[in-house]
Amino acid sequence: MKASVVKLNFHLPTAQAVTANHIAVAFRPPAEISISLLDELDIDLENLDTEQDVLNLTTGKRFRANIATNNIHDLTFPPAHGTSRFPSLARRRGG
């Protein structure tokens, strides 16, 4: 699924990208390949908790990233203590 990089913090290091259907994905940015704000990434939101190839559609370069289940959030769900914002499979497929 295509996601735009909206936040980068190279001190921690972390990156956050958001899909068109409002799913936020946080991951560790690659050290060897730079990514920038507003880069478009192709991320497999069905392949979780393991390293995957992520394609930077803006630069054409690929990098490895671990997309963890606890780092994916459906932004259409309200945040509340003790609740999950994990998106359904249908939402992760683009629905």
N, C-alpha and C. Protein backbone atom coordinates (compact mmCIF):
# COMPACT_ATOMS: atom_id res chain seq x y z
N MET A 1 0.84 -1.17 0.00
CA MET A 1 0.00 0.00 0.00
C MET A 1 0.89 1.24 0.00
N LYS A 2 0.48 2.26 -0.72
CA LYS A 2 1.25 3.48 -0.81
C LYS A 2 1.03 4.33 0.44
N ALA A 3 2.15 4.86 1.00
CA ALA A 3 2.09 5.72 2.18
C ALA A 3 3.09 6.85 2.03
N SER A 4 2.72 8.03 2.51
CA SER A 4 3.60 9.21 2.45
C SER A 4 4.30 9.40 3.78
N VAL A 5 5.60 9.67 3.72
CA VAL A 5 6.38 9.93 4.93
C VAL A 5 5.96 11.29 5.48
N VAL A 6 5.50 11.32 6.73
CA VAL A 6 5.02 12.56 7.33
C VAL A 6 5.86 12.99 8.53
N LYS A 7 6.69 12.09 9.04
CA LYS A 7 7.50 12.43 10.21
C LYS A 7 8.81 11.64 10.17
N LEU A 8 9.91 12.33 10.46
CA LEU A 8 11.22 11.70 10.56
C LEU A 8 11.91 12.21 11.81
N ASN A 9 12.51 11.31 12.56
CA ASN A 9 13.32 11.67 13.71
C ASN A 9 14.57 10.81 13.66
N PHE A 10 15.68 11.38 13.21
CA PHE A 10 16.90 10.61 13.05
C PHE A 10 17.66 10.45 14.36
N HIS A 11 17.23 11.12 15.43
CA HIS A 11 17.87 10.96 16.74
C HIS A 11 17.42 9.68 17.42
N LEU A 12 16.16 9.24 17.19
CA LEU A 12 15.67 8.05 17.89
C LEU A 12 16.09 6.73 17.25
N PRO A 13 16.19 6.43 16.06
CA PRO A 13 15.58 6.98 14.84
C PRO A 13 14.21 6.34 14.57
N THR A 14 13.28 7.15 14.11
CA THR A 14 11.95 6.67 13.74
C THR A 14 11.43 7.44 12.53
N ALA A 15 10.52 6.80 11.83
CA ALA A 15 9.83 7.44 10.71
C ALA A 15 8.37 7.06 10.81
N GLN A 16 7.50 7.93 10.29
CA GLN A 16 6.08 7.63 10.25
C GLN A 16 5.57 7.97 8.86
N ALA A 17 4.77 7.06 8.33
CA ALA A 17 4.13 7.28 7.03
C ALA A 17 2.63 7.04 7.20
N VAL A 18 1.85 7.72 6.39
CA VAL A 18 0.38 7.61 6.47
C VAL A 18 -0.15 7.29 5.08
N THR A 19 -1.09 6.32 5.05
CA THR A 19 -1.71 5.93 3.79
C THR A 19 -2.87 6.86 3.45
N ALA A 20 -3.38 6.75 2.24
CA ALA A 20 -4.51 7.58 1.81
C ALA A 20 -5.77 7.28 2.61
N ASN A 21 -5.89 6.04 3.13
CA ASN A 21 -7.07 5.70 3.92
C ASN A 21 -6.81 5.84 5.43
N HIS A 22 -5.83 6.65 5.78
CA HIS A 22 -5.58 7.09 7.16
C HIS A 22 -5.09 5.98 8.10
N ILE A 23 -4.15 5.20 7.61
CA ILE A 23 -3.46 4.23 8.47
C ILE A 23 -2.03 4.74 8.65
N ALA A 24 -1.62 4.90 9.92
CA ALA A 24 -0.27 5.37 10.24
C ALA A 24 0.62 4.16 10.48
N VAL A 25 1.84 4.23 9.93
CA VAL A 25 2.82 3.16 10.06
C VAL A 25 4.12 3.77 10.57
N ALA A 26 4.62 3.27 11.70
CA ALA A 26 5.89 3.74 12.25
C ALA A 26 6.93 2.65 12.07
N PHE A 27 8.17 3.05 11.76
CA PHE A 27 9.25 2.09 11.54
C PHE A 27 10.59 2.80 11.71
N ARG A 28 11.65 2.00 11.82
CA ARG A 28 13.01 2.53 11.90
C ARG A 28 13.48 2.83 10.47
N PRO A 29 13.86 4.07 10.19
CA PRO A 29 14.31 4.39 8.83
C PRO A 29 15.66 3.73 8.55
N PRO A 30 15.93 3.46 7.29
CA PRO A 30 17.20 2.81 6.95
C PRO A 30 18.38 3.74 7.14
N ALA A 31 19.47 3.20 7.64
CA ALA A 31 20.68 4.01 7.83
C ALA A 31 21.42 4.21 6.51
N GLU A 32 21.34 3.21 5.63
CA GLU A 32 22.13 3.23 4.41
C GLU A 32 21.47 3.97 3.24
N ILE A 33 20.16 4.17 3.31
CA ILE A 33 19.43 4.85 2.23
C ILE A 33 18.59 5.96 2.86
N SER A 34 18.74 7.16 2.35
CA SER A 34 17.99 8.26 2.95
C SER A 34 16.56 8.29 2.42
N ILE A 35 15.66 8.65 3.33
CA ILE A 35 14.28 8.95 2.95
C ILE A 35 13.99 10.37 3.41
N SER A 36 13.03 10.99 2.77
CA SER A 36 12.70 12.38 3.06
C SER A 36 11.21 12.53 3.32
N LEU A 37 10.86 13.65 3.93
CA LEU A 37 9.45 13.96 4.13
C LEU A 37 8.74 13.99 2.78
N LEU A 38 7.54 13.46 2.77
CA LEU A 38 6.66 13.39 1.61
C LEU A 38 7.08 12.36 0.57
N ASP A 39 8.15 11.58 0.84
CA ASP A 39 8.47 10.47 -0.05
C ASP A 39 7.29 9.50 -0.03
N GLU A 40 6.98 8.92 -1.17
CA GLU A 40 5.92 7.92 -1.28
C GLU A 40 6.57 6.54 -1.17
N LEU A 41 6.07 5.72 -0.23
CA LEU A 41 6.61 4.39 -0.01
C LEU A 41 5.56 3.34 -0.35
N ASP A 42 6.00 2.20 -0.84
CA ASP A 42 5.12 1.05 -1.05
C ASP A 42 5.42 0.06 0.07
N ILE A 43 4.48 -0.07 1.02
CA ILE A 43 4.64 -0.91 2.21
C ILE A 43 3.59 -2.00 2.19
N ASP A 44 3.99 -3.23 2.50
CA ASP A 44 3.07 -4.36 2.57
C ASP A 44 2.49 -4.43 3.98
N LEU A 45 1.26 -4.00 4.16
CA LEU A 45 0.65 -3.98 5.49
C LEU A 45 0.04 -5.32 5.88
N GLU A 46 0.19 -6.33 5.03
CA GLU A 46 -0.22 -7.68 5.39
C GLU A 46 0.96 -8.50 5.92
N ASN A 47 2.16 -8.11 5.61
CA ASN A 47 3.38 -8.80 6.00
C ASN A 47 3.97 -8.07 7.21
N LEU A 48 3.55 -8.48 8.42
CA LEU A 48 3.92 -7.76 9.64
C LEU A 48 4.85 -8.58 10.52
N ASP A 49 5.54 -7.88 11.41
CA ASP A 49 6.43 -8.48 12.41
C ASP A 49 7.58 -9.27 11.81
N THR A 50 7.99 -8.87 10.63
CA THR A 50 9.16 -9.45 9.97
C THR A 50 9.72 -8.40 9.02
N GLU A 51 10.99 -8.54 8.67
CA GLU A 51 11.56 -7.58 7.73
C GLU A 51 10.94 -7.76 6.35
N GLN A 52 10.76 -6.65 5.69
CA GLN A 52 10.21 -6.67 4.33
C GLN A 52 10.94 -5.65 3.49
N ASP A 53 10.86 -5.83 2.18
CA ASP A 53 11.39 -4.83 1.25
C ASP A 53 10.37 -3.73 1.11
N VAL A 54 10.79 -2.51 1.33
CA VAL A 54 9.95 -1.33 1.13
C VAL A 54 10.51 -0.58 -0.06
N LEU A 55 9.67 -0.24 -1.00
CA LEU A 55 10.10 0.51 -2.18
C LEU A 55 9.77 1.98 -1.98
N ASN A 56 10.79 2.82 -2.10
CA ASN A 56 10.58 4.26 -2.09
C ASN A 56 10.20 4.64 -3.52
N LEU A 57 8.93 4.91 -3.73
CA LEU A 57 8.43 5.22 -5.07
C LEU A 57 8.97 6.54 -5.59
N THR A 58 9.37 7.42 -4.69
CA THR A 58 9.89 8.73 -5.08
C THR A 58 11.29 8.61 -5.67
N THR A 59 12.14 7.79 -5.04
CA THR A 59 13.53 7.64 -5.49
C THR A 59 13.78 6.38 -6.30
N GLY A 60 12.89 5.40 -6.20
CA GLY A 60 13.09 4.14 -6.88
C GLY A 60 13.98 3.17 -6.12
N LYS A 61 14.42 3.54 -4.91
CA LYS A 61 15.31 2.68 -4.13
C LYS A 61 14.51 1.82 -3.15
N ARG A 62 15.05 0.63 -2.87
CA ARG A 62 14.44 -0.29 -1.91
C ARG A 62 15.26 -0.31 -0.64
N PHE A 63 14.57 -0.56 0.49
CA PHE A 63 15.26 -0.76 1.76
C PHE A 63 14.49 -1.77 2.57
N ARG A 64 15.15 -2.34 3.58
CA ARG A 64 14.53 -3.33 4.47
C ARG A 64 14.01 -2.61 5.70
N ALA A 65 12.81 -2.99 6.12
CA ALA A 65 12.21 -2.41 7.33
C ALA A 65 11.37 -3.47 8.02
N ASN A 66 11.33 -3.41 9.34
CA ASN A 66 10.49 -4.29 10.12
C ASN A 66 9.24 -3.51 10.49
N ILE A 67 8.09 -3.92 9.98
CA ILE A 67 6.83 -3.27 10.27
C ILE A 67 6.14 -4.09 11.36
N ALA A 68 6.17 -3.59 12.58
CA ALA A 68 5.62 -4.32 13.72
C ALA A 68 4.12 -4.05 13.87
N THR A 69 3.41 -5.08 14.31
CA THR A 69 1.96 -4.98 14.50
C THR A 69 1.58 -3.82 15.41
N ASN A 70 2.37 -3.61 16.47
CA ASN A 70 2.03 -2.54 17.42
C ASN A 70 2.39 -1.15 16.91
N ASN A 71 2.94 -1.04 15.71
CA ASN A 71 3.29 0.25 15.14
C ASN A 71 2.42 0.64 13.95
N ILE A 72 1.24 0.01 13.86
CA ILE A 72 0.27 0.34 12.82
C ILE A 72 -1.01 0.78 13.52
N HIS A 73 -1.52 1.96 13.12
CA HIS A 73 -2.70 2.51 13.80
C HIS A 73 -3.69 3.05 12.79
N ASP A 74 -4.94 2.70 12.98
CA ASP A 74 -6.02 3.23 12.16
C ASP A 74 -6.42 4.58 12.74
N LEU A 75 -6.12 5.65 12.03
CA LEU A 75 -6.36 6.99 12.54
C LEU A 75 -7.83 7.38 12.54
N THR A 76 -8.69 6.53 11.96
CA THR A 76 -10.13 6.82 12.00
C THR A 76 -10.75 6.37 13.32
N PHE A 77 -10.03 5.53 14.09
CA PHE A 77 -10.51 5.11 15.41
C PHE A 77 -10.11 6.15 16.44
N PRO A 78 -10.99 6.48 17.38
CA PRO A 78 -10.60 7.45 18.41
C PRO A 78 -9.60 6.83 19.39
N PRO A 79 -8.62 7.61 19.82
CA PRO A 79 -7.68 7.08 20.82
C PRO A 79 -8.36 6.99 22.18
N ALA A 80 -8.18 5.86 22.84
CA ALA A 80 -8.75 5.68 24.17
C ALA A 80 -7.87 4.71 24.94
N HIS A 81 -7.76 4.93 26.23
CA HIS A 81 -6.94 4.07 27.07
C HIS A 81 -7.45 2.63 27.04
N GLY A 82 -6.54 1.69 26.79
CA GLY A 82 -6.89 0.28 26.82
C GLY A 82 -7.57 -0.25 25.58
N THR A 83 -7.66 0.55 24.53
CA THR A 83 -8.28 0.07 23.29
C THR A 83 -7.22 -0.06 22.20
N SER A 84 -7.54 -0.84 21.21
CA SER A 84 -6.63 -1.05 20.09
C SER A 84 -7.07 -0.21 18.90
N ARG A 85 -6.10 0.37 18.21
CA ARG A 85 -6.37 1.09 16.97
C ARG A 85 -5.82 0.31 15.78
N PHE A 86 -5.59 -1.01 15.97
CA PHE A 86 -5.04 -1.84 14.91
C PHE A 86 -6.09 -1.99 13.80
N PRO A 87 -5.71 -1.68 12.56
CA PRO A 87 -6.68 -1.75 11.46
C PRO A 87 -7.00 -3.18 11.04
N SER A 88 -8.20 -3.39 10.57
CA SER A 88 -8.62 -4.69 10.07
C SER A 88 -7.84 -5.05 8.80
N LEU A 89 -7.88 -6.31 8.44
CA LEU A 89 -7.22 -6.75 7.22
C LEU A 89 -7.78 -6.03 6.00
N ALA A 90 -9.09 -5.84 5.98
CA ALA A 90 -9.72 -5.13 4.85
C ALA A 90 -9.17 -3.70 4.75
N ARG A 91 -9.01 -3.03 5.89
CA ARG A 91 -8.45 -1.66 5.87
C ARG A 91 -7.00 -1.68 5.44
N ARG A 92 -6.22 -2.67 5.89
CA ARG A 92 -4.82 -2.77 5.53
C ARG A 92 -4.64 -3.11 4.05
N ARG A 93 -5.68 -3.66 3.44
CA ARG A 93 -5.67 -3.96 2.00
C ARG A 93 -6.14 -2.76 1.17
N GLY A 94 -6.55 -1.69 1.84
CA GLY A 94 -6.94 -0.48 1.13
C GLY A 94 -8.41 -0.14 1.22
N GLY A 95 -9.17 -0.95 1.92
CA GLY A 95 -10.63 -0.72 2.02
C GLY A 95 -11.01 0.26 3.09
